[in-house]
Amino acid sequence: MHEYDEAVLACFLKKQGQLFPEKVAKSPEEAEAFLEECMAVVVNSVREVWEYFEEAGLDMEGADEEGILEADEVFEVGDGRYLIVEG
């Protein structure tokens, strides 16, 4: 089980529209349950976002760090960390 702190949950609640057409969570508790269910990952740097996608077997050819951060699945928490949610 992952631990999603207040900053991560607030980030997901605020930005969930970038990945989902309708809200999937209305409260921090719902957000945490949803993130656990889809096994969302919190990483500490752009490099770790890159490594996550490489390990997932996604084609990274031609991608750059900025492009990766624009992926719908990547949420910038705002403190240097990133939340990766597979929709």
PDB file of N, CA and C in Angstrom:
ATOM      1  N   MET A   1       0.835  -1.193   0.000  1.00  0.00           N
ATOM      2  CA  MET A   1       0.000   0.000   0.000  1.00  0.00           C
ATOM      3  C   MET A   1       0.879   1.255   0.000  1.00  0.00           C
ATOM      4  N   HIS A   2       0.515   2.191  -0.810  1.00  0.00           N
ATOM      5  CA  HIS A   2       1.251   3.456  -0.878  1.00  0.00           C
ATOM      6  C   HIS A   2       0.669   4.431   0.128  1.00  0.00           C
ATOM      7  N   GLU A   3       1.501   5.302   0.587  1.00  0.00           N
ATOM      8  CA  GLU A   3       1.027   6.374   1.459  1.00  0.00           C
ATOM      9  C   GLU A   3       0.937   7.639   0.614  1.00  0.00           C
ATOM     10  N   TYR A   4      -0.249   8.167   0.511  1.00  0.00           N
ATOM     11  CA  TYR A   4      -0.457   9.414  -0.221  1.00  0.00           C
ATOM     12  C   TYR A   4      -0.700  10.505   0.820  1.00  0.00           C
ATOM     13  N   ASP A   5       0.204  11.471   0.879  1.00  0.00           N
ATOM     14  CA  ASP A   5       0.055  12.515   1.880  1.00  0.00           C
ATOM     15  C   ASP A   5      -0.920  13.596   1.409  1.00  0.00           C
ATOM     16  N   GLU A   6      -1.136  14.559   2.280  1.00  0.00           N
ATOM     17  CA  GLU A   6      -2.104  15.619   2.011  1.00  0.00           C
ATOM     18  C   GLU A   6      -1.810  16.368   0.711  1.00  0.00           C
ATOM     19  N   ALA A   7      -0.547  16.665   0.448  1.00  0.00           N
ATOM     20  CA  ALA A   7      -0.179  17.409  -0.768  1.00  0.00           C
ATOM     21  C   ALA A   7      -0.516  16.609  -2.023  1.00  0.00           C
ATOM     22  N   VAL A   8      -0.249  15.316  -1.982  1.00  0.00           N
ATOM     23  CA  VAL A   8      -0.529  14.454  -3.138  1.00  0.00           C
ATOM     24  C   VAL A   8      -2.040  14.362  -3.369  1.00  0.00           C
ATOM     25  N   LEU A   9      -2.796  14.164  -2.308  1.00  0.00           N
ATOM     26  CA  LEU A   9      -4.254  14.052  -2.435  1.00  0.00           C
ATOM     27  C   LEU A   9      -4.863  15.361  -2.930  1.00  0.00           C
ATOM     28  N   ALA A  10      -4.392  16.483  -2.404  1.00  0.00           N
ATOM     29  CA  ALA A  10      -4.898  17.789  -2.835  1.00  0.00           C
ATOM     30  C   ALA A  10      -4.583  18.018  -4.310  1.00  0.00           C
ATOM     31  N   CYS A  11      -3.396  17.648  -4.724  1.00  0.00           N
ATOM     32  CA  CYS A  11      -2.987  17.789  -6.123  1.00  0.00           C
ATOM     33  C   CYS A  11      -3.909  16.972  -7.020  1.00  0.00           C
ATOM     34  N   PHE A  12      -4.160  15.717  -6.648  1.00  0.00           N
ATOM     35  CA  PHE A  12      -5.009  14.867  -7.478  1.00  0.00           C
ATOM     36  C   PHE A  12      -6.439  15.411  -7.531  1.00  0.00           C
ATOM     37  N   LEU A  13      -6.971  15.822  -6.397  1.00  0.00           N
ATOM     38  CA  LEU A  13      -8.339  16.357  -6.382  1.00  0.00           C
ATOM     39  C   LEU A  13      -8.456  17.582  -7.282  1.00  0.00           C
ATOM     40  N   LYS A  14      -7.447  18.438  -7.246  1.00  0.00           N
ATOM     41  CA  LYS A  14      -7.477  19.675  -8.029  1.00  0.00           C
ATOM     42  C   LYS A  14      -7.302  19.410  -9.521  1.00  0.00           C
ATOM     43  N   LYS A  15      -6.438  18.444  -9.877  1.00  0.00           N
ATOM     44  CA  LYS A  15      -6.039  18.276 -11.277  1.00  0.00           C
ATOM     45  C   LYS A  15      -6.590  17.021 -11.949  1.00  0.00           C
ATOM     46  N   GLN A  16      -7.478  16.268 -11.269  1.00  0.00           N
ATOM     47  CA  GLN A  16      -7.942  15.007 -11.836  1.00  0.00           C
ATOM     48  C   GLN A  16      -8.589  15.162 -13.214  1.00  0.00           C
ATOM     49  N   GLY A  17      -9.098  16.359 -13.522  1.00  0.00           N
ATOM     50  CA  GLY A  17      -9.722  16.603 -14.818  1.00  0.00           C
ATOM     51  C   GLY A  17      -8.774  16.467 -15.999  1.00  0.00           C
ATOM     52  N   GLN A  18      -7.468  16.535 -15.755  1.00  0.00           N
ATOM     53  CA  GLN A  18      -6.525  16.401 -16.879  1.00  0.00           C
ATOM     54  C   GLN A  18      -6.486  14.964 -17.392  1.00  0.00           C
ATOM     55  N   LEU A  19      -6.922  14.000 -16.563  1.00  0.00           N
ATOM     56  CA  LEU A  19      -6.865  12.594 -16.959  1.00  0.00           C
ATOM     57  C   LEU A  19      -8.249  11.988 -17.140  1.00  0.00           C
ATOM     58  N   PHE A  20      -9.223  12.482 -16.400  1.00  0.00           N
ATOM     59  CA  PHE A  20     -10.555  11.883 -16.423  1.00  0.00           C
ATOM     60  C   PHE A  20     -11.603  12.917 -16.814  1.00  0.00           C
ATOM     61  N   PRO A  21     -12.576  12.531 -17.657  1.00  0.00           N
ATOM     62  CA  PRO A  21     -13.601  13.488 -18.096  1.00  0.00           C
ATOM     63  C   PRO A  21     -14.537  13.919 -16.970  1.00  0.00           C
ATOM     64  N   GLU A  22     -14.730  13.047 -15.977  1.00  0.00           N
ATOM     65  CA  GLU A  22     -15.567  13.381 -14.831  1.00  0.00           C
ATOM     66  C   GLU A  22     -14.756  13.171 -13.560  1.00  0.00           C
ATOM     67  N   LYS A  23     -15.153  13.846 -12.494  1.00  0.00           N
ATOM     68  CA  LYS A  23     -14.442  13.664 -11.220  1.00  0.00           C
ATOM     69  C   LYS A  23     -14.561  12.215 -10.753  1.00  0.00           C
ATOM     70  N   VAL A  24     -13.456  11.652 -10.347  1.00  0.00           N
ATOM     71  CA  VAL A  24     -13.464  10.295  -9.802  1.00  0.00           C
ATOM     72  C   VAL A  24     -13.397  10.333  -8.279  1.00  0.00           C
ATOM     73  N   ALA A  25     -13.100  11.502  -7.724  1.00  0.00           N
ATOM     74  CA  ALA A  25     -13.003  11.650  -6.267  1.00  0.00           C
ATOM     75  C   ALA A  25     -13.438  13.060  -5.881  1.00  0.00           C
ATOM     76  N   LYS A  26     -14.181  13.137  -4.771  1.00  0.00           N
ATOM     77  CA  LYS A  26     -14.644  14.438  -4.292  1.00  0.00           C
ATOM     78  C   LYS A  26     -14.037  14.807  -2.954  1.00  0.00           C
ATOM     79  N   SER A  27     -13.358  13.859  -2.310  1.00  0.00           N
ATOM     80  CA  SER A  27     -12.778  14.117  -0.990  1.00  0.00           C
ATOM     81  C   SER A  27     -11.394  13.473  -0.938  1.00  0.00           C
ATOM     82  N   PRO A  28     -10.576  13.888   0.027  1.00  0.00           N
ATOM     83  CA  PRO A  28      -9.259  13.252   0.170  1.00  0.00           C
ATOM     84  C   PRO A  28      -9.371  11.741   0.380  1.00  0.00           C
ATOM     85  N   GLU A  29     -10.399  11.301   1.113  1.00  0.00           N
ATOM     86  CA  GLU A  29     -10.561   9.865   1.358  1.00  0.00           C
ATOM     87  C   GLU A  29     -10.871   9.121   0.053  1.00  0.00           C
ATOM     88  N   GLU A  30     -11.751   9.695  -0.762  1.00  0.00           N
ATOM     89  CA  GLU A  30     -12.066   9.078  -2.058  1.00  0.00           C
ATOM     90  C   GLU A  30     -10.847   9.092  -2.966  1.00  0.00           C
ATOM     91  N   ALA A  31     -10.096  10.180  -2.928  1.00  0.00           N
ATOM     92  CA  ALA A  31      -8.890  10.273  -3.759  1.00  0.00           C
ATOM     93  C   ALA A  31      -7.897   9.195  -3.358  1.00  0.00           C
ATOM     94  N   GLU A  32      -7.697   9.027  -2.053  1.00  0.00           N
ATOM     95  CA  GLU A  32      -6.748   8.021  -1.579  1.00  0.00           C
ATOM     96  C   GLU A  32      -7.192   6.619  -1.993  1.00  0.00           C
ATOM     97  N   ALA A  33      -8.468   6.310  -1.840  1.00  0.00           N
ATOM     98  CA  ALA A  33      -8.979   4.994  -2.226  1.00  0.00           C
ATOM     99  C   ALA A  33      -8.785   4.768  -3.718  1.00  0.00           C
ATOM    100  N   PHE A  34      -9.061   5.791  -4.531  1.00  0.00           N
ATOM    101  CA  PHE A  34      -8.906   5.661  -5.975  1.00  0.00           C
ATOM    102  C   PHE A  34      -7.443   5.448  -6.354  1.00  0.00           C
ATOM    103  N   LEU A  35      -6.547   6.249  -5.771  1.00  0.00           N
ATOM    104  CA  LEU A  35      -5.123   6.140  -6.093  1.00  0.00           C
ATOM    105  C   LEU A  35      -4.583   4.774  -5.687  1.00  0.00           C
ATOM    106  N   GLU A  36      -5.036   4.257  -4.542  1.00  0.00           N
ATOM    107  CA  GLU A  36      -4.603   2.924  -4.121  1.00  0.00           C
ATOM    108  C   GLU A  36      -5.093   1.872  -5.096  1.00  0.00           C
ATOM    109  N   GLU A  37      -6.348   2.013  -5.531  1.00  0.00           N
ATOM    110  CA  GLU A  37      -6.940   1.035  -6.437  1.00  0.00           C
ATOM    111  C   GLU A  37      -6.191   0.960  -7.769  1.00  0.00           C
ATOM    112  N   CYS A  38      -5.785   2.116  -8.297  1.00  0.00           N
ATOM    113  CA  CYS A  38      -5.081   2.094  -9.580  1.00  0.00           C
ATOM    114  C   CYS A  38      -3.564   2.082  -9.392  1.00  0.00           C
ATOM    115  N   MET A  39      -3.124   1.876  -8.156  1.00  0.00           N
ATOM    116  CA  MET A  39      -1.707   1.739  -7.837  1.00  0.00           C
ATOM    117  C   MET A  39      -0.880   2.903  -8.366  1.00  0.00           C
ATOM    118  N   ALA A  40      -1.363   4.105  -8.100  1.00  0.00           N
ATOM    119  CA  ALA A  40      -0.645   5.314  -8.493  1.00  0.00           C
ATOM    120  C   ALA A  40       0.677   5.381  -7.731  1.00  0.00           C
ATOM    121  N   VAL A  41       1.647   6.030  -8.341  1.00  0.00           N
ATOM    122  CA  VAL A  41       3.000   6.085  -7.791  1.00  0.00           C
ATOM    123  C   VAL A  41       3.401   7.540  -7.578  1.00  0.00           C
ATOM    124  N   VAL A  42       4.068   7.805  -6.458  1.00  0.00           N
ATOM    125  CA  VAL A  42       4.638   9.132  -6.202  1.00  0.00           C
ATOM    126  C   VAL A  42       6.140   9.009  -6.365  1.00  0.00           C
ATOM    127  N   VAL A  43       6.718   9.873  -7.221  1.00  0.00           N
ATOM    128  CA  VAL A  43       8.171   9.872  -7.421  1.00  0.00           C
ATOM    129  C   VAL A  43       8.718  11.246  -7.053  1.00  0.00           C
ATOM    130  N   ASN A  44      10.028  11.305  -6.847  1.00  0.00           N
ATOM    131  CA  ASN A  44      10.645  12.511  -6.297  1.00  0.00           C
ATOM    132  C   ASN A  44      11.319  13.425  -7.303  1.00  0.00           C
ATOM    133  N   SER A  45      11.313  13.063  -8.586  1.00  0.00           N
ATOM    134  CA  SER A  45      12.004  13.907  -9.563  1.00  0.00           C
ATOM    135  C   SER A  45      11.534  13.588 -10.973  1.00  0.00           C
ATOM    136  N   VAL A  46      11.859  14.485 -11.891  1.00  0.00           N
ATOM    137  CA  VAL A  46      11.570  14.254 -13.300  1.00  0.00           C
ATOM    138  C   VAL A  46      12.285  12.978 -13.761  1.00  0.00           C
ATOM    139  N   ARG A  47      13.504  12.777 -13.289  1.00  0.00           N
ATOM    140  CA  ARG A  47      14.271  11.580 -13.650  1.00  0.00           C
ATOM    141  C   ARG A  47      13.513  10.307 -13.264  1.00  0.00           C
ATOM    142  N   GLU A  48      12.899  10.322 -12.080  1.00  0.00           N
ATOM    143  CA  GLU A  48      12.143   9.144 -11.639  1.00  0.00           C
ATOM    144  C   GLU A  48      10.873   8.949 -12.466  1.00  0.00           C
ATOM    145  N   VAL A  49      10.267  10.044 -12.933  1.00  0.00           N
ATOM    146  CA  VAL A  49       9.122   9.921 -13.843  1.00  0.00           C
ATOM    147  C   VAL A  49       9.590   9.200 -15.106  1.00  0.00           C
ATOM    148  N   TRP A  50      10.726   9.634 -15.640  1.00  0.00           N
ATOM    149  CA  TRP A  50      11.307   9.050 -16.846  1.00  0.00           C
ATOM    150  C   TRP A  50      11.565   7.550 -16.638  1.00  0.00           C
ATOM    151  N   GLU A  51      12.209   7.224 -15.512  1.00  0.00           N
ATOM    152  CA  GLU A  51      12.527   5.820 -15.209  1.00  0.00           C
ATOM    153  C   GLU A  51      11.260   4.983 -15.077  1.00  0.00           C
ATOM    154  N   TYR A  52      10.216   5.561 -14.481  1.00  0.00           N
ATOM    155  CA  TYR A  52       8.950   4.843 -14.338  1.00  0.00           C
ATOM    156  C   TYR A  52       8.397   4.469 -15.710  1.00  0.00           C
ATOM    157  N   PHE A  53       8.375   5.439 -16.624  1.00  0.00           N
ATOM    158  CA  PHE A  53       7.844   5.172 -17.960  1.00  0.00           C
ATOM    159  C   PHE A  53       8.716   4.167 -18.709  1.00  0.00           C
ATOM    160  N   GLU A  54      10.027   4.266 -18.544  1.00  0.00           N
ATOM    161  CA  GLU A  54      10.920   3.294 -19.190  1.00  0.00           C
ATOM    162  C   GLU A  54      10.641   1.888 -18.668  1.00  0.00           C
ATOM    163  N   GLU A  55      10.520   1.756 -17.346  1.00  0.00           N
ATOM    164  CA  GLU A  55      10.251   0.451 -16.744  1.00  0.00           C
ATOM    165  C   GLU A  55       8.892  -0.093 -17.164  1.00  0.00           C
ATOM    166  N   ALA A  56       7.939   0.799 -17.423  1.00  0.00           N
ATOM    167  CA  ALA A  56       6.604   0.379 -17.846  1.00  0.00           C
ATOM    168  C   ALA A  56       6.608  -0.060 -19.311  1.00  0.00           C
ATOM    169  N   GLY A  57       7.741   0.145 -19.985  1.00  0.00           N
ATOM    170  CA  GLY A  57       7.864  -0.291 -21.373  1.00  0.00           C
ATOM    171  C   GLY A  57       7.277   0.674 -22.377  1.00  0.00           C
ATOM    172  N   LEU A  58       7.083   1.918 -21.985  1.00  0.00           N
ATOM    173  CA  LEU A  58       6.556   2.905 -22.916  1.00  0.00           C
ATOM    174  C   LEU A  58       7.666   3.381 -23.847  1.00  0.00           C
ATOM    175  N   ASP A  59       7.300   3.638 -25.066  1.00  0.00           N
ATOM    176  CA  ASP A  59       8.273   4.104 -26.057  1.00  0.00           C
ATOM    177  C   ASP A  59       8.643   5.553 -25.754  1.00  0.00           C
ATOM    178  N   MET A  60       9.899   5.734 -25.358  1.00  0.00           N
ATOM    179  CA  MET A  60      10.360   7.071 -24.961  1.00  0.00           C
ATOM    180  C   MET A  60      11.119   7.772 -26.085  1.00  0.00           C
ATOM    181  N   GLU A  61      11.234   7.131 -27.221  1.00  0.00           N
ATOM    182  CA  GLU A  61      12.013   7.710 -28.313  1.00  0.00           C
ATOM    183  C   GLU A  61      11.409   9.033 -28.754  1.00  0.00           C
ATOM    184  N   GLY A  62      12.243  10.035 -28.848  1.00  0.00           N
ATOM    185  CA  GLY A  62      11.800  11.348 -29.280  1.00  0.00           C
ATOM    186  C   GLY A  62      11.177  12.177 -28.159  1.00  0.00           C
ATOM    187  N   ALA A  63      11.021  11.582 -26.990  1.00  0.00           N
ATOM    188  CA  ALA A  63      10.422  12.321 -25.878  1.00  0.00           C
ATOM    189  C   ALA A  63      11.504  13.103 -25.144  1.00  0.00           C
ATOM    190  N   ASP A  64      11.103  14.199 -24.544  1.00  0.00           N
ATOM    191  CA  ASP A  64      12.023  14.938 -23.683  1.00  0.00           C
ATOM    192  C   ASP A  64      11.356  15.106 -22.326  1.00  0.00           C
ATOM    193  N   GLU A  65      12.087  15.633 -21.362  1.00  0.00           N
ATOM    194  CA  GLU A  65      11.546  15.740 -20.004  1.00  0.00           C
ATOM    195  C   GLU A  65      10.285  16.585 -19.965  1.00  0.00           C
ATOM    196  N   GLU A  66      10.274  17.671 -20.711  1.00  0.00           N
ATOM    197  CA  GLU A  66       9.107  18.546 -20.707  1.00  0.00           C
ATOM    198  C   GLU A  66       7.889  17.812 -21.257  1.00  0.00           C
ATOM    199  N   GLY A  67       8.100  17.058 -22.327  1.00  0.00           N
ATOM    200  CA  GLY A  67       7.003  16.301 -22.927  1.00  0.00           C
ATOM    201  C   GLY A  67       6.442  15.262 -21.979  1.00  0.00           C
ATOM    202  N   ILE A  68       7.317  14.625 -21.238  1.00  0.00           N
ATOM    203  CA  ILE A  68       6.883  13.613 -20.283  1.00  0.00           C
ATOM    204  C   ILE A  68       6.009  14.236 -19.203  1.00  0.00           C
ATOM    205  N   LEU A  69       6.378  15.416 -18.755  1.00  0.00           N
ATOM    206  CA  LEU A  69       5.615  16.071 -17.697  1.00  0.00           C
ATOM    207  C   LEU A  69       4.259  16.563 -18.200  1.00  0.00           C
ATOM    208  N   GLU A  70       4.086  16.634 -19.508  1.00  0.00           N
ATOM    209  CA  GLU A  70       2.804  17.042 -20.074  1.00  0.00           C
ATOM    210  C   GLU A  70       1.870  15.857 -20.276  1.00  0.00           C
ATOM    211  N   ALA A  71       2.344  14.636 -20.029  1.00  0.00           N
ATOM    212  CA  ALA A  71       1.498  13.455 -20.156  1.00  0.00           C
ATOM    213  C   ALA A  71       0.327  13.574 -19.184  1.00  0.00           C
ATOM    214  N   ASP A  72      -0.848  13.164 -19.630  1.00  0.00           N
ATOM    215  CA  ASP A  72      -2.040  13.276 -18.786  1.00  0.00           C
ATOM    216  C   ASP A  72      -1.901  12.524 -17.473  1.00  0.00           C
ATOM    217  N   GLU A  73      -1.094  11.467 -17.474  1.00  0.00           N
ATOM    218  CA  GLU A  73      -0.946  10.635 -16.272  1.00  0.00           C
ATOM    219  C   GLU A  73      -0.039  11.256 -15.217  1.00  0.00           C
ATOM    220  N   VAL A  74       0.674  12.315 -15.563  1.00  0.00           N
ATOM    221  CA  VAL A  74       1.658  12.901 -14.654  1.00  0.00           C
ATOM    222  C   VAL A  74       1.090  14.175 -14.020  1.00  0.00           C
ATOM    223  N   PHE A  75       1.041  14.171 -12.694  1.00  0.00           N
ATOM    224  CA  PHE A  75       0.537  15.309 -11.939  1.00  0.00           C
ATOM    225  C   PHE A  75       1.680  15.889 -11.126  1.00  0.00           C
ATOM    226  N   GLU A  76       1.959  17.185 -11.317  1.00  0.00           N
ATOM    227  CA  GLU A  76       3.012  17.842 -10.535  1.00  0.00           C
ATOM    228  C   GLU A  76       2.441  18.219  -9.178  1.00  0.00           C
ATOM    229  N   VAL A  77       3.009  17.646  -8.128  1.00  0.00           N
ATOM    230  CA  VAL A  77       2.507  17.888  -6.774  1.00  0.00           C
ATOM    231  C   VAL A  77       2.800  19.321  -6.338  1.00  0.00           C
ATOM    232  N   GLY A  78       3.925  19.878  -6.798  1.00  0.00           N
ATOM    233  CA  GLY A  78       4.245  21.256  -6.476  1.00  0.00           C
ATOM    234  C   GLY A  78       5.396  21.403  -5.510  1.00  0.00           C
ATOM    235  N   ASP A  79       5.900  20.283  -4.992  1.00  0.00           N
ATOM    236  CA  ASP A  79       7.025  20.332  -4.056  1.00  0.00           C
ATOM    237  C   ASP A  79       8.210  19.542  -4.610  1.00  0.00           C
ATOM    238  N   GLY A  80       8.244  19.386  -5.943  1.00  0.00           N
ATOM    239  CA  GLY A  80       9.320  18.631  -6.567  1.00  0.00           C
ATOM    240  C   GLY A  80       8.930  17.194  -6.858  1.00  0.00           C
ATOM    241  N   ARG A  81       7.824  16.752  -6.280  1.00  0.00           N
ATOM    242  CA  ARG A  81       7.375  15.369  -6.514  1.00  0.00           C
ATOM    243  C   ARG A  81       6.320  15.332  -7.620  1.00  0.00           C
ATOM    244  N   TYR A  82       6.143  14.128  -8.148  1.00  0.00           N
ATOM    245  CA  TYR A  82       5.157  13.898  -9.190  1.00  0.00           C
ATOM    246  C   TYR A  82       4.333  12.682  -8.853  1.00  0.00           C
ATOM    247  N   LEU A  83       3.039  12.765  -9.150  1.00  0.00           N
ATOM    248  CA  LEU A  83       2.125  11.645  -8.982  1.00  0.00           C
ATOM    249  C   LEU A  83       1.861  11.081 -10.364  1.00  0.00           C
ATOM    250  N   ILE A  84       2.029   9.777 -10.524  1.00  0.00           N
ATOM    251  CA  ILE A  84       1.779   9.118 -11.802  1.00  0.00           C
ATOM    252  C   ILE A  84       0.561   8.215 -11.619  1.00  0.00           C
ATOM    253  N   VAL A  85      -0.483   8.478 -12.403  1.00  0.00           N
ATOM    254  CA  VAL A  85      -1.731   7.734 -12.299  1.00  0.00           C
ATOM    255  C   VAL A  85      -2.022   7.075 -13.635  1.00  0.00           C
ATOM    256  N   GLU A  86      -2.140   5.773 -13.642  1.00  0.00           N
ATOM    257  CA  GLU A  86      -2.511   5.056 -14.866  1.00  0.00           C
ATOM    258  C   GLU A  86      -4.019   4.968 -14.890  1.00  0.00           C
ATOM    259  N   GLY A  87      -4.641   5.685 -15.829  1.00  0.00           N
ATOM    260  CA  GLY A  87      -6.090   5.805 -15.855  1.00  0.00           C
ATOM    261  C   GLY A  87      -6.861   4.552 -16.142  1.00  0.00           C
TER     262      GLY A  87
END
